[in-house]
């Protein structure tokens, strides 16, 4: 009995989705850091802008860490970027004035 091989072409849309969602979230989180640095300090919408990538990146990182069979390392790195930028944005949001 031979097992059928699963080629990379068969996984194309799934892999693209798993890579593009964290990358899009990373781009949004970089914009959120810039927005919170300039105008979002101590405002309610600044907190929302900071929480979206933090929660989204944290959930993606948790998913990639607990996926059955393991996920490639670059998926962990891609998911960690929005999480870390979200934490940075929360830090910038919580400051009261420029140092």
PDB file of N, CA and C in Angstrom:
ATOM      1  N   UNK A   1       0.843  -1.174   0.000  1.00  0.00           N
ATOM      2  CA  UNK A   1       0.000   0.000   0.000  1.00  0.00           C
ATOM      3  C   UNK A   1       0.891   1.241   0.000  1.00  0.00           C
ATOM      4  N   UNK A   2       0.648   2.116  -0.920  1.00  0.00           N
ATOM      5  CA  UNK A   2       1.420   3.355  -1.002  1.00  0.00           C
ATOM      6  C   UNK A   2       0.568   4.517  -0.518  1.00  0.00           C
ATOM      7  N   UNK A   3       1.218   5.405   0.168  1.00  0.00           N
ATOM      8  CA  UNK A   3       0.535   6.593   0.655  1.00  0.00           C
ATOM      9  C   UNK A   3       0.668   7.694  -0.390  1.00  0.00           C
ATOM     10  N   UNK A   4      -0.399   8.425  -0.654  1.00  0.00           N
ATOM     11  CA  UNK A   4      -0.291   9.520  -1.617  1.00  0.00           C
ATOM     12  C   UNK A   4       0.524  10.661  -1.023  1.00  0.00           C
ATOM     13  N   UNK A   5       1.328  11.271  -1.855  1.00  0.00           N
ATOM     14  CA  UNK A   5       2.136  12.408  -1.404  1.00  0.00           C
ATOM     15  C   UNK A   5       1.325  13.689  -1.516  1.00  0.00           C
ATOM     16  N   UNK A   6       1.452  14.502  -0.521  1.00  0.00           N
ATOM     17  CA  UNK A   6       0.789  15.801  -0.555  1.00  0.00           C
ATOM     18  C   UNK A   6       1.841  16.815  -0.985  1.00  0.00           C
ATOM     19  N   UNK A   7       1.642  17.370  -2.133  1.00  0.00           N
ATOM     20  CA  UNK A   7       2.597  18.332  -2.661  1.00  0.00           C
ATOM     21  C   UNK A   7       2.271  19.733  -2.155  1.00  0.00           C
ATOM     22  N   UNK A   8       3.217  20.620  -2.299  1.00  0.00           N
ATOM     23  CA  UNK A   8       3.034  21.985  -1.817  1.00  0.00           C
ATOM     24  C   UNK A   8       1.908  22.692  -2.561  1.00  0.00           C
ATOM     25  N   UNK A   9       1.643  22.313  -3.804  1.00  0.00           N
ATOM     26  CA  UNK A   9       0.582  22.975  -4.557  1.00  0.00           C
ATOM     27  C   UNK A   9      -0.780  22.723  -3.934  1.00  0.00           C
ATOM     28  N   UNK A  10      -0.946  21.597  -3.257  1.00  0.00           N
ATOM     29  CA  UNK A  10      -2.229  21.272  -2.659  1.00  0.00           C
ATOM     30  C   UNK A  10      -2.527  22.116  -1.419  1.00  0.00           C
ATOM     31  N   UNK A  11      -1.532  22.697  -0.821  1.00  0.00           N
ATOM     32  CA  UNK A  11      -1.687  23.467   0.404  1.00  0.00           C
ATOM     33  C   UNK A  11      -1.601  24.964   0.163  1.00  0.00           C
ATOM     34  N   UNK A  12      -1.515  25.398  -1.054  1.00  0.00           N
ATOM     35  CA  UNK A  12      -1.283  26.801  -1.389  1.00  0.00           C
ATOM     36  C   UNK A  12      -2.165  27.806  -0.685  1.00  0.00           C
ATOM     37  N   UNK A  13      -3.484  27.751  -0.839  1.00  0.00           N
ATOM     38  CA  UNK A  13      -4.326  28.774  -0.204  1.00  0.00           C
ATOM     39  C   UNK A  13      -4.257  28.755   1.326  1.00  0.00           C
ATOM     40  N   UNK A  14      -4.125  27.586   1.914  1.00  0.00           N
ATOM     41  CA  UNK A  14      -4.057  27.495   3.368  1.00  0.00           C
ATOM     42  C   UNK A  14      -2.771  28.133   3.898  1.00  0.00           C
ATOM     43  N   UNK A  15      -1.652  27.826   3.255  1.00  0.00           N
ATOM     44  CA  UNK A  15      -0.371  28.390   3.688  1.00  0.00           C
ATOM     45  C   UNK A  15      -0.360  29.908   3.483  1.00  0.00           C
ATOM     46  N   UNK A  16      -0.906  30.362   2.348  1.00  0.00           N
ATOM     47  CA  UNK A  16      -0.963  31.806   2.118  1.00  0.00           C
ATOM     48  C   UNK A  16      -1.794  32.498   3.190  1.00  0.00           C
ATOM     49  N   UNK A  17      -2.896  31.894   3.573  1.00  0.00           N
ATOM     50  CA  UNK A  17      -3.740  32.476   4.601  1.00  0.00           C
ATOM     51  C   UNK A  17      -3.028  32.504   5.951  1.00  0.00           C
ATOM     52  N   UNK A  18      -2.320  31.433   6.279  1.00  0.00           N
ATOM     53  CA  UNK A  18      -1.618  31.375   7.560  1.00  0.00           C
ATOM     54  C   UNK A  18      -0.443  32.342   7.627  1.00  0.00           C
ATOM     55  N   UNK A  19       0.097  32.735   6.479  1.00  0.00           N
ATOM     56  CA  UNK A  19       1.200  33.692   6.472  1.00  0.00           C
ATOM     57  C   UNK A  19       0.692  35.118   6.323  1.00  0.00           C
ATOM     58  N   UNK A  20      -0.305  35.341   5.480  1.00  0.00           N
ATOM     59  CA  UNK A  20      -0.747  36.700   5.195  1.00  0.00           C
ATOM     60  C   UNK A  20      -1.544  37.331   6.335  1.00  0.00           C
ATOM     61  N   UNK A  21      -2.291  36.557   7.087  1.00  0.00           N
ATOM     62  CA  UNK A  21      -3.052  37.132   8.200  1.00  0.00           C
ATOM     63  C   UNK A  21      -2.115  37.703   9.272  1.00  0.00           C
ATOM     64  N   UNK A  22      -1.098  36.965   9.730  1.00  0.00           N
ATOM     65  CA  UNK A  22      -0.187  37.584  10.707  1.00  0.00           C
ATOM     66  C   UNK A  22       0.627  38.747  10.124  1.00  0.00           C
ATOM     67  N   UNK A  23       0.981  38.662   8.834  1.00  0.00           N
ATOM     68  CA  UNK A  23       1.715  39.774   8.233  1.00  0.00           C
ATOM     69  C   UNK A  23       0.850  41.022   8.130  1.00  0.00           C
ATOM     70  N   UNK A  24      -0.406  40.874   7.775  1.00  0.00           N
ATOM     71  CA  UNK A  24      -1.312  42.023   7.728  1.00  0.00           C
ATOM     72  C   UNK A  24      -1.517  42.596   9.130  1.00  0.00           C
ATOM     73  N   UNK A  25      -1.628  41.734  10.104  1.00  0.00           N
ATOM     74  CA  UNK A  25      -1.766  42.191  11.488  1.00  0.00           C
ATOM     75  C   UNK A  25      -0.497  42.908  11.956  1.00  0.00           C
ATOM     76  N   UNK A  26       0.665  42.461  11.482  1.00  0.00           N
ATOM     77  CA  UNK A  26       1.924  43.128  11.830  1.00  0.00           C
ATOM     78  C   UNK A  26       1.985  44.525  11.228  1.00  0.00           C
ATOM     79  N   UNK A  27       1.542  44.677   9.996  1.00  0.00           N
ATOM     80  CA  UNK A  27       1.539  46.002   9.362  1.00  0.00           C
ATOM     81  C   UNK A  27       0.587  46.932  10.107  1.00  0.00           C
ATOM     82  N   UNK A  28      -0.576  46.430  10.479  1.00  0.00           N
ATOM     83  CA  UNK A  28      -1.532  47.241  11.239  1.00  0.00           C
ATOM     84  C   UNK A  28      -0.946  47.620  12.600  1.00  0.00           C
ATOM     85  N   UNK A  29      -0.231  46.706  13.219  1.00  0.00           N
ATOM     86  CA  UNK A  29       0.329  47.002  14.542  1.00  0.00           C
ATOM     87  C   UNK A  29       1.467  48.017  14.462  1.00  0.00           C
ATOM     88  N   UNK A  30       2.238  47.992  13.384  1.00  0.00           N
ATOM     89  CA  UNK A  30       3.286  49.009  13.214  1.00  0.00           C
ATOM     90  C   UNK A  30       2.653  50.382  13.058  1.00  0.00           C
ATOM     91  N   UNK A  31       1.562  50.444  12.305  1.00  0.00           N
ATOM     92  CA  UNK A  31       0.825  51.704  12.196  1.00  0.00           C
ATOM     93  C   UNK A  31       0.237  52.136  13.526  1.00  0.00           C
ATOM     94  N   UNK A  32      -0.210  51.174  14.333  1.00  0.00           N
ATOM     95  CA  UNK A  32      -0.751  51.495  15.653  1.00  0.00           C
ATOM     96  C   UNK A  32       0.300  52.060  16.589  1.00  0.00           C
ATOM     97  N   UNK A  33       1.516  51.551  16.494  1.00  0.00           N
ATOM     98  CA  UNK A  33       2.605  52.091  17.317  1.00  0.00           C
ATOM     99  C   UNK A  33       2.870  53.539  16.934  1.00  0.00           C
ATOM    100  N   UNK A  34       2.908  53.808  15.635  1.00  0.00           N
ATOM    101  CA  UNK A  34       3.147  55.179  15.184  1.00  0.00           C
ATOM    102  C   UNK A  34       1.999  56.098  15.601  1.00  0.00           C
ATOM    103  N   UNK A  35       0.780  55.606  15.532  1.00  0.00           N
ATOM    104  CA  UNK A  35      -0.375  56.413  15.914  1.00  0.00           C
ATOM    105  C   UNK A  35      -0.402  56.685  17.407  1.00  0.00           C
ATOM    106  N   UNK A  36      -0.105  55.681  18.220  1.00  0.00           N
ATOM    107  CA  UNK A  36      -0.095  55.876  19.670  1.00  0.00           C
ATOM    108  C   UNK A  36       1.071  56.747  20.114  1.00  0.00           C
ATOM    109  N   UNK A  37       2.155  56.732  19.367  1.00  0.00           N
ATOM    110  CA  UNK A  37       3.304  57.564  19.729  1.00  0.00           C
ATOM    111  C   UNK A  37       2.961  59.041  19.568  1.00  0.00           C
ATOM    112  N   UNK A  38       2.160  59.355  18.563  1.00  0.00           N
ATOM    113  CA  UNK A  38       1.886  60.761  18.268  1.00  0.00           C
ATOM    114  C   UNK A  38       0.617  61.289  18.929  1.00  0.00           C
ATOM    115  N   UNK A  39      -0.521  60.565  18.740  1.00  0.00           N
ATOM    116  CA  UNK A  39      -1.788  61.149  19.145  1.00  0.00           C
ATOM    117  C   UNK A  39      -2.648  60.288  20.053  1.00  0.00           C
ATOM    118  N   UNK A  40      -2.351  59.024  20.230  1.00  0.00           N
ATOM    119  CA  UNK A  40      -3.275  58.145  20.927  1.00  0.00           C
ATOM    120  C   UNK A  40      -3.023  57.950  22.398  1.00  0.00           C
ATOM    121  N   UNK A  41      -2.151  58.757  22.963  1.00  0.00           N
ATOM    122  CA  UNK A  41      -1.793  58.542  24.357  1.00  0.00           C
ATOM    123  C   UNK A  41      -2.950  58.855  25.288  1.00  0.00           C
ATOM    124  N   UNK A  42      -3.307  57.881  26.116  1.00  0.00           N
ATOM    125  CA  UNK A  42      -4.336  58.011  27.147  1.00  0.00           C
ATOM    126  C   UNK A  42      -5.729  58.321  26.587  1.00  0.00           C
ATOM    127  N   UNK A  43      -6.010  57.886  25.374  1.00  0.00           N
ATOM    128  CA  UNK A  43      -7.347  58.025  24.815  1.00  0.00           C
ATOM    129  C   UNK A  43      -7.930  56.637  24.623  1.00  0.00           C
ATOM    130  N   UNK A  44      -9.254  56.542  24.605  1.00  0.00           N
ATOM    131  CA  UNK A  44      -9.898  55.232  24.511  1.00  0.00           C
ATOM    132  C   UNK A  44      -9.590  54.562  23.190  1.00  0.00           C
ATOM    133  N   UNK A  45      -9.534  55.306  22.099  1.00  0.00           N
ATOM    134  CA  UNK A  45      -9.263  54.682  20.802  1.00  0.00           C
ATOM    135  C   UNK A  45      -7.801  54.266  20.698  1.00  0.00           C
ATOM    136  N   UNK A  46      -6.921  54.911  21.434  1.00  0.00           N
ATOM    137  CA  UNK A  46      -5.524  54.480  21.471  1.00  0.00           C
ATOM    138  C   UNK A  46      -5.373  53.122  22.138  1.00  0.00           C
ATOM    139  N   UNK A  47      -6.190  52.889  23.157  1.00  0.00           N
ATOM    140  CA  UNK A  47      -6.188  51.583  23.816  1.00  0.00           C
ATOM    141  C   UNK A  47      -6.710  50.497  22.881  1.00  0.00           C
ATOM    142  N   UNK A  48      -7.758  50.800  22.128  1.00  0.00           N
ATOM    143  CA  UNK A  48      -8.315  49.830  21.175  1.00  0.00           C
ATOM    144  C   UNK A  48      -7.290  49.510  20.095  1.00  0.00           C
ATOM    145  N   UNK A  49      -6.623  50.538  19.582  1.00  0.00           N
ATOM    146  CA  UNK A  49      -5.596  50.337  18.547  1.00  0.00           C
ATOM    147  C   UNK A  49      -4.449  49.489  19.083  1.00  0.00           C
ATOM    148  N   UNK A  50      -4.149  49.602  20.356  1.00  0.00           N
ATOM    149  CA  UNK A  50      -3.070  48.807  20.950  1.00  0.00           C
ATOM    150  C   UNK A  50      -3.507  47.384  21.286  1.00  0.00           C
ATOM    151  N   UNK A  51      -4.761  47.199  21.662  1.00  0.00           N
ATOM    152  CA  UNK A  51      -5.229  45.875  22.076  1.00  0.00           C
ATOM    153  C   UNK A  51      -5.473  44.930  20.901  1.00  0.00           C
ATOM    154  N   UNK A  52      -5.865  45.455  19.741  1.00  0.00           N
ATOM    155  CA  UNK A  52      -6.170  44.591  18.596  1.00  0.00           C
ATOM    156  C   UNK A  52      -4.962  43.752  18.186  1.00  0.00           C
ATOM    157  N   UNK A  53      -3.790  44.341  17.916  1.00  0.00           N
ATOM    158  CA  UNK A  53      -2.662  43.477  17.547  1.00  0.00           C
ATOM    159  C   UNK A  53      -2.130  42.637  18.705  1.00  0.00           C
ATOM    160  N   UNK A  54      -2.274  43.129  19.932  1.00  0.00           N
ATOM    161  CA  UNK A  54      -1.802  42.345  21.069  1.00  0.00           C
ATOM    162  C   UNK A  54      -2.619  41.068  21.233  1.00  0.00           C
ATOM    163  N   UNK A  55      -3.918  41.201  21.203  1.00  0.00           N
ATOM    164  CA  UNK A  55      -4.788  40.031  21.354  1.00  0.00           C
ATOM    165  C   UNK A  55      -4.692  39.129  20.131  1.00  0.00           C
ATOM    166  N   UNK A  56      -4.736  39.726  18.941  1.00  0.00           N
ATOM    167  CA  UNK A  56      -4.647  38.925  17.713  1.00  0.00           C
ATOM    168  C   UNK A  56      -3.323  38.192  17.593  1.00  0.00           C
ATOM    169  N   UNK A  57      -2.229  38.874  17.860  1.00  0.00           N
ATOM    170  CA  UNK A  57      -0.915  38.236  17.803  1.00  0.00           C
ATOM    171  C   UNK A  57      -0.744  37.174  18.870  1.00  0.00           C
ATOM    172  N   UNK A  58      -1.281  37.436  20.061  1.00  0.00           N
ATOM    173  CA  UNK A  58      -1.203  36.441  21.129  1.00  0.00           C
ATOM    174  C   UNK A  58      -1.984  35.182  20.796  1.00  0.00           C
ATOM    175  N   UNK A  59      -3.170  35.340  20.213  1.00  0.00           N
ATOM    176  CA  UNK A  59      -3.966  34.176  19.823  1.00  0.00           C
ATOM    177  C   UNK A  59      -3.308  33.403  18.679  1.00  0.00           C
ATOM    178  N   UNK A  60      -2.740  34.129  17.712  1.00  0.00           N
ATOM    179  CA  UNK A  60      -2.032  33.444  16.626  1.00  0.00           C
ATOM    180  C   UNK A  60      -0.811  32.694  17.157  1.00  0.00           C
ATOM    181  N   UNK A  61      -0.074  33.321  18.050  1.00  0.00           N
ATOM    182  CA  UNK A  61       1.096  32.662  18.628  1.00  0.00           C
ATOM    183  C   UNK A  61       0.693  31.428  19.426  1.00  0.00           C
ATOM    184  N   UNK A  62      -0.377  31.525  20.185  1.00  0.00           N
ATOM    185  CA  UNK A  62      -0.876  30.372  20.925  1.00  0.00           C
ATOM    186  C   UNK A  62      -1.311  29.254  19.974  1.00  0.00           C
ATOM    187  N   UNK A  63      -1.959  29.636  18.869  1.00  0.00           N
ATOM    188  CA  UNK A  63      -2.384  28.629  17.910  1.00  0.00           C
ATOM    189  C   UNK A  63      -1.185  27.920  17.293  1.00  0.00           C
ATOM    190  N   UNK A  64      -0.172  28.683  16.905  1.00  0.00           N
ATOM    191  CA  UNK A  64       0.992  28.067  16.273  1.00  0.00           C
ATOM    192  C   UNK A  64       1.819  27.248  17.265  1.00  0.00           C
ATOM    193  N   UNK A  65       1.782  27.607  18.540  1.00  0.00           N
ATOM    194  CA  UNK A  65       2.517  26.825  19.533  1.00  0.00           C
ATOM    195  C   UNK A  65       1.823  25.526  19.902  1.00  0.00           C
ATOM    196  N   UNK A  66       0.500  25.482  19.753  1.00  0.00           N
ATOM    197  CA  UNK A  66      -0.237  24.294  20.171  1.00  0.00           C
ATOM    198  C   UNK A  66      -0.782  23.484  19.014  1.00  0.00           C
ATOM    199  N   UNK A  67      -0.444  23.824  17.780  1.00  0.00           N
ATOM    200  CA  UNK A  67      -0.975  23.094  16.632  1.00  0.00           C
ATOM    201  C   UNK A  67      -0.430  21.664  16.632  1.00  0.00           C
ATOM    202  N   UNK A  68      -1.265  20.740  16.252  1.00  0.00           N
ATOM    203  CA  UNK A  68      -0.871  19.336  16.260  1.00  0.00           C
ATOM    204  C   UNK A  68       0.157  19.081  15.161  1.00  0.00           C
ATOM    205  N   UNK A  69       1.243  18.459  15.502  1.00  0.00           N
ATOM    206  CA  UNK A  69       2.308  18.183  14.544  1.00  0.00           C
ATOM    207  C   UNK A  69       3.361  19.276  14.490  1.00  0.00           C
ATOM    208  N   UNK A  70       3.088  20.414  15.081  1.00  0.00           N
ATOM    209  CA  UNK A  70       4.049  21.504  15.119  1.00  0.00           C
ATOM    210  C   UNK A  70       3.955  22.397  13.902  1.00  0.00           C
ATOM    211  N   UNK A  71       4.233  23.640  14.097  1.00  0.00           N
ATOM    212  CA  UNK A  71       4.258  24.613  13.010  1.00  0.00           C
ATOM    213  C   UNK A  71       5.711  25.001  12.767  1.00  0.00           C
ATOM    214  N   UNK A  72       6.047  25.391  11.535  1.00  0.00           N
ATOM    215  CA  UNK A  72       7.419  25.831  11.273  1.00  0.00           C
ATOM    216  C   UNK A  72       7.793  27.058  12.116  1.00  0.00           C
ATOM    217  N   UNK A  73       9.073  27.215  12.345  1.00  0.00           N
ATOM    218  CA  UNK A  73       9.562  28.280  13.223  1.00  0.00           C
ATOM    219  C   UNK A  73       9.205  29.658  12.686  1.00  0.00           C
ATOM    220  N   UNK A  74       9.223  29.831  11.364  1.00  0.00           N
ATOM    221  CA  UNK A  74       8.937  31.162  10.836  1.00  0.00           C
ATOM    222  C   UNK A  74       7.478  31.559  11.071  1.00  0.00           C
ATOM    223  N   UNK A  75       6.569  30.599  11.254  1.00  0.00           N
ATOM    224  CA  UNK A  75       5.202  30.935  11.632  1.00  0.00           C
ATOM    225  C   UNK A  75       5.179  31.532  13.037  1.00  0.00           C
ATOM    226  N   UNK A  76       5.980  30.998  13.936  1.00  0.00           N
ATOM    227  CA  UNK A  76       6.063  31.548  15.291  1.00  0.00           C
ATOM    228  C   UNK A  76       6.602  32.972  15.244  1.00  0.00           C
ATOM    229  N   UNK A  77       7.621  33.189  14.435  1.00  0.00           N
ATOM    230  CA  UNK A  77       8.210  34.525  14.325  1.00  0.00           C
ATOM    231  C   UNK A  77       7.231  35.521  13.721  1.00  0.00           C
ATOM    232  N   UNK A  78       6.518  35.091  12.688  1.00  0.00           N
ATOM    233  CA  UNK A  78       5.539  35.981  12.048  1.00  0.00           C
ATOM    234  C   UNK A  78       4.415  36.322  13.017  1.00  0.00           C
ATOM    235  N   UNK A  79       3.993  35.382  13.839  1.00  0.00           N
ATOM    236  CA  UNK A  79       2.918  35.644  14.802  1.00  0.00           C
ATOM    237  C   UNK A  79       3.411  36.455  15.990  1.00  0.00           C
ATOM    238  N   UNK A  80       4.697  36.382  16.311  1.00  0.00           N
ATOM    239  CA  UNK A  80       5.227  37.130  17.448  1.00  0.00           C
ATOM    240  C   UNK A  80       5.373  38.616  17.139  1.00  0.00           C
ATOM    241  N   UNK A  81       5.535  38.970  15.877  1.00  0.00           N
ATOM    242  CA  UNK A  81       5.731  40.379  15.506  1.00  0.00           C
ATOM    243  C   UNK A  81       4.536  41.243  15.916  1.00  0.00           C
ATOM    244  N   UNK A  82       3.281  40.908  15.533  1.00  0.00           N
ATOM    245  CA  UNK A  82       2.178  41.769  15.982  1.00  0.00           C
ATOM    246  C   UNK A  82       1.997  41.774  17.498  1.00  0.00           C
ATOM    247  N   UNK A  83       2.280  40.656  18.134  1.00  0.00           N
ATOM    248  CA  UNK A  83       2.162  40.599  19.592  1.00  0.00           C
ATOM    249  C   UNK A  83       3.150  41.567  20.245  1.00  0.00           C
ATOM    250  N   UNK A  84       4.387  41.549  19.803  1.00  0.00           N
ATOM    251  CA  UNK A  84       5.394  42.428  20.391  1.00  0.00           C
ATOM    252  C   UNK A  84       5.127  43.899  20.074  1.00  0.00           C
ATOM    253  N   UNK A  85       4.714  44.184  18.828  1.00  0.00           N
ATOM    254  CA  UNK A  85       4.378  45.567  18.494  1.00  0.00           C
ATOM    255  C   UNK A  85       3.142  46.030  19.257  1.00  0.00           C
ATOM    256  N   UNK A  86       2.206  45.134  19.513  1.00  0.00           N
ATOM    257  CA  UNK A  86       1.044  45.485  20.321  1.00  0.00           C
ATOM    258  C   UNK A  86       1.431  45.814  21.752  1.00  0.00           C
ATOM    259  N   UNK A  87       2.364  45.034  22.312  1.00  0.00           N
ATOM    260  CA  UNK A  87       2.845  45.352  23.660  1.00  0.00           C
ATOM    261  C   UNK A  87       3.564  46.693  23.691  1.00  0.00           C
ATOM    262  N   UNK A  88       4.331  46.971  22.652  1.00  0.00           N
ATOM    263  CA  UNK A  88       5.012  48.270  22.554  1.00  0.00           C
ATOM    264  C   UNK A  88       3.993  49.403  22.462  1.00  0.00           C
ATOM    265  N   UNK A  89       2.948  49.175  21.703  1.00  0.00           N
ATOM    266  CA  UNK A  89       1.905  50.181  21.565  1.00  0.00           C
ATOM    267  C   UNK A  89       1.172  50.402  22.887  1.00  0.00           C
ATOM    268  N   UNK A  90       0.947  49.337  23.652  1.00  0.00           N
ATOM    269  CA  UNK A  90       0.341  49.495  24.984  1.00  0.00           C
ATOM    270  C   UNK A  90       1.253  50.286  25.914  1.00  0.00           C
ATOM    271  N   UNK A  91       2.547  50.045  25.802  1.00  0.00           N
ATOM    272  CA  UNK A  91       3.502  50.807  26.615  1.00  0.00           C
ATOM    273  C   UNK A  91       3.450  52.289  26.244  1.00  0.00           C
ATOM    274  N   UNK A  92       3.434  52.581  24.945  1.00  0.00           N
ATOM    275  CA  UNK A  92       3.371  53.979  24.526  1.00  0.00           C
ATOM    276  C   UNK A  92       2.049  54.628  24.909  1.00  0.00           C
ATOM    277  N   UNK A  93       0.973  53.849  24.894  1.00  0.00           N
ATOM    278  CA  UNK A  93      -0.323  54.381  25.283  1.00  0.00           C
ATOM    279  C   UNK A  93      -0.350  54.748  26.754  1.00  0.00           C
ATOM    280  N   UNK A  94       0.322  53.977  27.595  1.00  0.00           N
ATOM    281  CA  UNK A  94       0.241  54.197  29.038  1.00  0.00           C
ATOM    282  C   UNK A  94       1.115  55.352  29.523  1.00  0.00           C
ATOM    283  N   UNK A  95       2.056  55.809  28.713  1.00  0.00           N
ATOM    284  CA  UNK A  95       2.900  56.934  29.145  1.00  0.00           C
ATOM    285  C   UNK A  95       2.104  58.215  29.152  1.00  0.00           C
ATOM    286  N   UNK A  96       2.452  59.103  30.068  1.00  0.00           N
ATOM    287  CA  UNK A  96       1.728  60.373  30.164  1.00  0.00           C
ATOM    288  C   UNK A  96       2.408  61.489  29.408  1.00  0.00           C
ATOM    289  N   UNK A  97       3.735  61.492  29.323  1.00  0.00           N
ATOM    290  CA  UNK A  97       4.427  62.564  28.611  1.00  0.00           C
ATOM    291  C   UNK A  97       5.714  62.036  28.001  1.00  0.00           C
ATOM    292  N   UNK A  98       6.260  62.814  27.104  1.00  0.00           N
ATOM    293  CA  UNK A  98       7.531  62.437  26.475  1.00  0.00           C
ATOM    294  C   UNK A  98       8.661  62.530  27.490  1.00  0.00           C
ATOM    295  N   UNK A  99       9.634  61.607  27.430  1.00  0.00           N
ATOM    296  CA  UNK A  99      10.766  61.680  28.386  1.00  0.00           C
ATOM    297  C   UNK A  99      11.701  62.819  28.050  1.00  0.00           C
TER     298      UNK A  99
END
